[in-house]
N, C-alpha and C. Protein backbone atom coordinates (compact mmCIF):
# COMPACT_ATOMS: atom_id res chain seq x y z
N MET A 1 -42.72 -60.34 20.73
CA MET A 1 -42.42 -59.16 19.94
C MET A 1 -41.41 -58.27 20.65
N GLU A 2 -41.59 -58.06 21.96
CA GLU A 2 -40.66 -57.22 22.70
C GLU A 2 -39.27 -57.84 22.74
N GLN A 3 -39.23 -59.17 22.79
CA GLN A 3 -37.94 -59.85 22.85
C GLN A 3 -37.15 -59.66 21.54
N ALA A 4 -37.83 -59.65 20.41
CA ALA A 4 -37.16 -59.46 19.12
C ALA A 4 -36.60 -58.04 19.02
N ASP A 5 -37.34 -57.05 19.50
CA ASP A 5 -36.86 -55.67 19.48
C ASP A 5 -35.67 -55.49 20.42
N ALA A 6 -35.70 -56.16 21.54
CA ALA A 6 -34.60 -56.06 22.50
C ALA A 6 -33.33 -56.67 21.93
N MET A 7 -33.43 -57.71 21.10
CA MET A 7 -32.25 -58.35 20.52
C MET A 7 -31.65 -57.49 19.41
N LYS A 8 -32.47 -56.74 18.67
CA LYS A 8 -31.99 -55.88 17.60
C LYS A 8 -31.27 -54.65 18.15
N THR A 9 -31.67 -54.16 19.28
CA THR A 9 -31.12 -52.92 19.84
C THR A 9 -29.62 -52.99 20.09
N PRO A 10 -29.06 -54.04 20.71
CA PRO A 10 -27.61 -54.06 20.92
C PRO A 10 -26.83 -54.11 19.61
N ARG A 11 -27.31 -54.89 18.62
CA ARG A 11 -26.62 -54.96 17.34
C ARG A 11 -26.65 -53.62 16.62
N LEU A 12 -27.81 -52.96 16.67
CA LEU A 12 -27.98 -51.68 15.99
C LEU A 12 -27.13 -50.60 16.68
N SER A 13 -27.13 -50.58 18.01
CA SER A 13 -26.35 -49.55 18.70
C SER A 13 -24.86 -49.80 18.50
N GLY A 14 -24.42 -51.04 18.40
CA GLY A 14 -23.01 -51.33 18.13
C GLY A 14 -22.60 -50.84 16.76
N ARG A 15 -23.48 -51.03 15.78
CA ARG A 15 -23.21 -50.54 14.42
C ARG A 15 -23.16 -49.01 14.39
N LEU A 16 -24.07 -48.37 15.08
CA LEU A 16 -24.08 -46.90 15.12
C LEU A 16 -22.83 -46.35 15.80
N ILE A 17 -22.40 -47.00 16.87
CA ILE A 17 -21.17 -46.57 17.55
C ILE A 17 -19.98 -46.73 16.60
N GLY A 18 -19.92 -47.86 15.90
CA GLY A 18 -18.84 -48.08 14.93
C GLY A 18 -18.85 -47.05 13.82
N LEU A 19 -20.04 -46.72 13.31
CA LEU A 19 -20.17 -45.71 12.26
C LEU A 19 -19.73 -44.34 12.77
N ASN A 20 -20.12 -43.99 13.98
CA ASN A 20 -19.71 -42.70 14.56
C ASN A 20 -18.20 -42.62 14.74
N VAL A 21 -17.58 -43.70 15.17
CA VAL A 21 -16.13 -43.72 15.34
C VAL A 21 -15.44 -43.55 13.99
N ALA A 22 -15.95 -44.25 12.96
CA ALA A 22 -15.36 -44.15 11.63
C ALA A 22 -15.50 -42.73 11.08
N LEU A 23 -16.65 -42.12 11.26
CA LEU A 23 -16.85 -40.74 10.79
C LEU A 23 -15.98 -39.76 11.56
N LEU A 24 -15.81 -39.97 12.84
CA LEU A 24 -14.95 -39.12 13.66
C LEU A 24 -13.49 -39.21 13.21
N LEU A 25 -13.04 -40.42 12.91
CA LEU A 25 -11.67 -40.60 12.41
C LEU A 25 -11.47 -39.94 11.04
N ALA A 26 -12.47 -40.06 10.17
CA ALA A 26 -12.39 -39.42 8.85
C ALA A 26 -12.35 -37.90 8.98
N LEU A 27 -13.17 -37.36 9.87
CA LEU A 27 -13.18 -35.92 10.10
C LEU A 27 -11.84 -35.44 10.66
N GLY A 28 -11.29 -36.20 11.58
CA GLY A 28 -9.98 -35.85 12.14
C GLY A 28 -8.89 -35.88 11.09
N ALA A 29 -8.92 -36.89 10.21
CA ALA A 29 -7.91 -37.00 9.15
C ALA A 29 -8.00 -35.83 8.18
N VAL A 30 -9.21 -35.45 7.79
CA VAL A 30 -9.39 -34.34 6.87
C VAL A 30 -8.97 -33.02 7.53
N THR A 31 -9.30 -32.85 8.78
CA THR A 31 -8.95 -31.62 9.49
C THR A 31 -7.45 -31.45 9.64
N LEU A 32 -6.75 -32.51 9.96
CA LEU A 32 -5.31 -32.42 10.17
C LEU A 32 -4.53 -32.40 8.87
N ALA A 33 -5.08 -32.97 7.80
CA ALA A 33 -4.34 -33.09 6.54
C ALA A 33 -4.44 -31.84 5.68
N THR A 34 -5.49 -31.05 5.80
CA THR A 34 -5.69 -29.91 4.91
C THR A 34 -5.33 -28.61 5.60
N ARG A 35 -5.03 -27.63 4.79
CA ARG A 35 -4.69 -26.29 5.27
C ARG A 35 -5.60 -25.30 4.55
N ALA A 36 -6.09 -24.33 5.27
CA ALA A 36 -6.99 -23.35 4.68
C ALA A 36 -6.24 -22.54 3.62
N GLY A 37 -6.95 -22.21 2.53
CA GLY A 37 -6.32 -21.49 1.42
C GLY A 37 -5.91 -20.08 1.78
N ALA A 38 -6.55 -19.46 2.76
CA ALA A 38 -6.24 -18.08 3.10
C ALA A 38 -5.06 -17.96 4.06
N GLN A 39 -4.56 -19.07 4.56
CA GLN A 39 -3.43 -19.00 5.48
C GLN A 39 -2.14 -18.79 4.71
N ASN A 40 -1.32 -17.90 5.21
CA ASN A 40 -0.05 -17.59 4.56
C ASN A 40 0.97 -18.65 4.95
N ASP A 41 1.54 -19.32 3.96
CA ASP A 41 2.53 -20.36 4.23
C ASP A 41 3.95 -19.88 3.99
N GLY A 42 4.17 -18.60 4.03
CA GLY A 42 5.51 -18.06 3.90
C GLY A 42 5.88 -17.69 2.48
N GLY A 43 5.31 -18.33 1.48
CA GLY A 43 5.69 -18.05 0.10
C GLY A 43 4.73 -17.11 -0.61
N GLY A 44 3.60 -16.85 -0.01
CA GLY A 44 2.57 -16.05 -0.68
C GLY A 44 2.62 -14.59 -0.30
N ARG A 45 1.55 -13.95 -0.50
CA ARG A 45 1.42 -12.52 -0.23
C ARG A 45 1.28 -12.29 1.26
N GLY A 46 2.04 -11.34 1.78
CA GLY A 46 1.99 -11.03 3.20
C GLY A 46 0.88 -10.08 3.55
N ARG A 47 0.70 -9.87 4.84
CA ARG A 47 -0.32 -8.94 5.33
C ARG A 47 0.09 -7.52 4.95
N GLY A 48 -0.83 -6.74 4.47
CA GLY A 48 -0.52 -5.41 3.97
C GLY A 48 -0.51 -4.33 5.03
N GLU A 49 0.19 -3.25 4.72
CA GLU A 49 0.16 -2.02 5.52
C GLU A 49 -0.30 -0.93 4.57
N TYR A 50 -1.54 -0.48 4.75
CA TYR A 50 -2.19 0.36 3.76
C TYR A 50 -2.19 1.84 4.13
N THR A 51 -2.01 2.67 3.11
CA THR A 51 -2.16 4.12 3.21
C THR A 51 -3.07 4.54 2.07
N LEU A 52 -4.09 5.37 2.37
CA LEU A 52 -5.02 5.83 1.35
C LEU A 52 -4.90 7.34 1.18
N VAL A 53 -4.86 7.77 -0.08
CA VAL A 53 -4.76 9.19 -0.41
C VAL A 53 -5.75 9.48 -1.52
N SER A 54 -6.48 10.57 -1.39
CA SER A 54 -7.42 10.98 -2.42
C SER A 54 -6.78 12.02 -3.32
N GLY A 55 -7.13 12.00 -4.60
CA GLY A 55 -6.58 12.98 -5.54
C GLY A 55 -7.44 13.08 -6.79
N ARG A 56 -7.13 14.07 -7.58
CA ARG A 56 -7.86 14.28 -8.83
C ARG A 56 -7.08 13.66 -9.99
N VAL A 57 -7.83 13.27 -11.02
CA VAL A 57 -7.25 12.75 -12.25
C VAL A 57 -7.74 13.63 -13.39
N GLN A 58 -6.84 13.98 -14.29
CA GLN A 58 -7.24 14.81 -15.43
C GLN A 58 -8.27 14.09 -16.27
N GLY A 59 -9.34 14.77 -16.61
CA GLY A 59 -10.38 14.22 -17.44
C GLY A 59 -11.45 13.44 -16.69
N ALA A 60 -11.30 13.28 -15.40
CA ALA A 60 -12.31 12.56 -14.61
C ALA A 60 -13.12 13.55 -13.79
N THR A 61 -14.37 13.22 -13.56
CA THR A 61 -15.24 14.11 -12.78
C THR A 61 -15.24 13.76 -11.30
N THR A 62 -14.76 12.59 -10.96
CA THR A 62 -14.71 12.18 -9.55
C THR A 62 -13.27 12.07 -9.10
N HIS A 63 -13.07 12.09 -7.80
CA HIS A 63 -11.73 11.91 -7.24
C HIS A 63 -11.31 10.44 -7.37
N THR A 64 -10.03 10.23 -7.27
CA THR A 64 -9.48 8.89 -7.30
C THR A 64 -8.84 8.61 -5.95
N ILE A 65 -8.98 7.39 -5.49
CA ILE A 65 -8.35 6.99 -4.23
C ILE A 65 -7.14 6.13 -4.57
N TYR A 66 -5.99 6.53 -4.07
CA TYR A 66 -4.76 5.78 -4.27
C TYR A 66 -4.53 4.95 -3.00
N VAL A 67 -4.41 3.64 -3.17
CA VAL A 67 -4.19 2.72 -2.06
C VAL A 67 -2.77 2.20 -2.18
N LEU A 68 -1.93 2.57 -1.22
CA LEU A 68 -0.54 2.13 -1.20
C LEU A 68 -0.40 1.01 -0.18
N ASP A 69 0.07 -0.13 -0.63
CA ASP A 69 0.38 -1.26 0.25
C ASP A 69 1.89 -1.28 0.41
N ALA A 70 2.37 -0.73 1.51
CA ALA A 70 3.81 -0.59 1.72
C ALA A 70 4.48 -1.94 1.97
N ALA A 71 3.78 -2.87 2.59
CA ALA A 71 4.38 -4.17 2.90
C ALA A 71 4.63 -4.99 1.64
N ASN A 72 3.70 -4.94 0.69
CA ASN A 72 3.83 -5.70 -0.55
C ASN A 72 4.30 -4.85 -1.71
N GLN A 73 4.54 -3.57 -1.47
CA GLN A 73 5.06 -2.61 -2.46
C GLN A 73 4.18 -2.57 -3.71
N GLU A 74 2.90 -2.27 -3.49
CA GLU A 74 1.95 -2.16 -4.59
C GLU A 74 1.12 -0.89 -4.44
N LEU A 75 0.70 -0.33 -5.57
CA LEU A 75 -0.13 0.86 -5.58
C LEU A 75 -1.32 0.59 -6.49
N VAL A 76 -2.54 0.85 -5.99
CA VAL A 76 -3.76 0.67 -6.76
C VAL A 76 -4.51 1.99 -6.76
N ALA A 77 -4.99 2.40 -7.93
CA ALA A 77 -5.81 3.60 -8.04
C ALA A 77 -7.26 3.17 -8.28
N LEU A 78 -8.17 3.68 -7.45
CA LEU A 78 -9.58 3.33 -7.54
C LEU A 78 -10.41 4.57 -7.84
N GLY A 79 -11.30 4.45 -8.80
CA GLY A 79 -12.22 5.53 -9.13
C GLY A 79 -13.64 5.09 -8.90
N TRP A 80 -14.53 6.05 -8.68
CA TRP A 80 -15.93 5.74 -8.43
C TRP A 80 -16.72 5.89 -9.72
N ASN A 81 -17.46 4.83 -10.09
CA ASN A 81 -18.33 4.86 -11.25
C ASN A 81 -19.72 5.22 -10.78
N ARG A 82 -20.19 6.40 -11.18
CA ARG A 82 -21.51 6.87 -10.71
C ARG A 82 -22.66 6.08 -11.33
N ASN A 83 -22.45 5.51 -12.50
CA ASN A 83 -23.52 4.76 -13.15
C ASN A 83 -23.81 3.44 -12.44
N THR A 84 -22.76 2.76 -11.99
CA THR A 84 -22.95 1.47 -11.34
C THR A 84 -22.85 1.55 -9.82
N ASN A 85 -22.49 2.72 -9.29
CA ASN A 85 -22.27 2.91 -7.85
C ASN A 85 -21.28 1.90 -7.28
N GLN A 86 -20.18 1.73 -8.00
CA GLN A 86 -19.14 0.81 -7.57
C GLN A 86 -17.77 1.42 -7.82
N ALA A 87 -16.82 0.99 -7.01
CA ALA A 87 -15.43 1.40 -7.23
C ALA A 87 -14.84 0.56 -8.36
N GLU A 88 -14.05 1.19 -9.22
CA GLU A 88 -13.40 0.50 -10.33
C GLU A 88 -11.90 0.74 -10.26
N VAL A 89 -11.15 -0.25 -10.63
CA VAL A 89 -9.69 -0.11 -10.65
C VAL A 89 -9.31 0.75 -11.85
N VAL A 90 -8.63 1.85 -11.57
CA VAL A 90 -8.16 2.74 -12.63
C VAL A 90 -6.76 2.32 -13.08
N GLY A 91 -5.94 1.90 -12.12
CA GLY A 91 -4.59 1.48 -12.45
C GLY A 91 -3.94 0.71 -11.32
N PHE A 92 -2.86 0.01 -11.67
CA PHE A 92 -2.11 -0.79 -10.71
C PHE A 92 -0.63 -0.67 -11.04
N ARG A 93 0.21 -0.54 -10.01
CA ARG A 93 1.66 -0.51 -10.20
C ARG A 93 2.32 -1.36 -9.13
N SER A 94 3.30 -2.12 -9.56
CA SER A 94 4.14 -2.86 -8.62
C SER A 94 5.36 -1.99 -8.36
N LEU A 95 5.46 -1.45 -7.16
CA LEU A 95 6.58 -0.58 -6.83
C LEU A 95 7.89 -1.36 -6.78
N ALA A 96 7.83 -2.64 -6.48
CA ALA A 96 9.03 -3.47 -6.46
C ALA A 96 9.59 -3.60 -7.88
N ASP A 97 8.72 -3.79 -8.87
CA ASP A 97 9.17 -3.87 -10.27
C ASP A 97 9.75 -2.54 -10.73
N ASP A 98 9.12 -1.44 -10.33
CA ASP A 98 9.64 -0.11 -10.69
C ASP A 98 11.02 0.11 -10.09
N ALA A 99 11.20 -0.31 -8.85
CA ALA A 99 12.50 -0.13 -8.18
C ALA A 99 13.57 -0.97 -8.87
N LYS A 100 13.24 -2.18 -9.30
CA LYS A 100 14.20 -3.01 -10.02
C LYS A 100 14.61 -2.36 -11.34
N TYR A 101 13.64 -1.75 -12.02
CA TYR A 101 13.92 -1.08 -13.28
C TYR A 101 14.86 0.11 -13.07
N LEU A 102 14.64 0.85 -12.00
CA LEU A 102 15.47 2.03 -11.75
C LEU A 102 16.88 1.65 -11.29
N GLN A 103 17.06 0.48 -10.73
CA GLN A 103 18.36 0.06 -10.23
C GLN A 103 19.24 -0.56 -11.31
N ARG A 104 18.70 -0.83 -12.49
CA ARG A 104 19.51 -1.41 -13.56
C ARG A 104 20.57 -0.42 -14.01
N PRO A 105 21.77 -0.91 -14.33
CA PRO A 105 22.79 0.01 -14.86
C PRO A 105 22.39 0.50 -16.24
N ARG A 106 22.67 1.74 -16.49
CA ARG A 106 22.26 2.35 -17.78
C ARG A 106 23.38 2.40 -18.75
């Protein structure tokens, strides 16, 4: 009985080593071939430079926070909803689009 177990051990360990090598190669291929979605590849949105300013809006009971992203030239207005205790987007402007509009010949 012991002799039969001893003969199975080398074959089984060889198979396990082969399986581990195959899995390691597959993991290496997947790791090197894919790129994380959050990494900037030059064509997407860049890292922002933010400035926050608080102000009042006519007809609203709470203040509004204006978030200016100078690097991406965007402005977002956020208001606080007291019923849901969450910030809500009040408005959005692309400052780059506004600048293009103002530069058109009239």
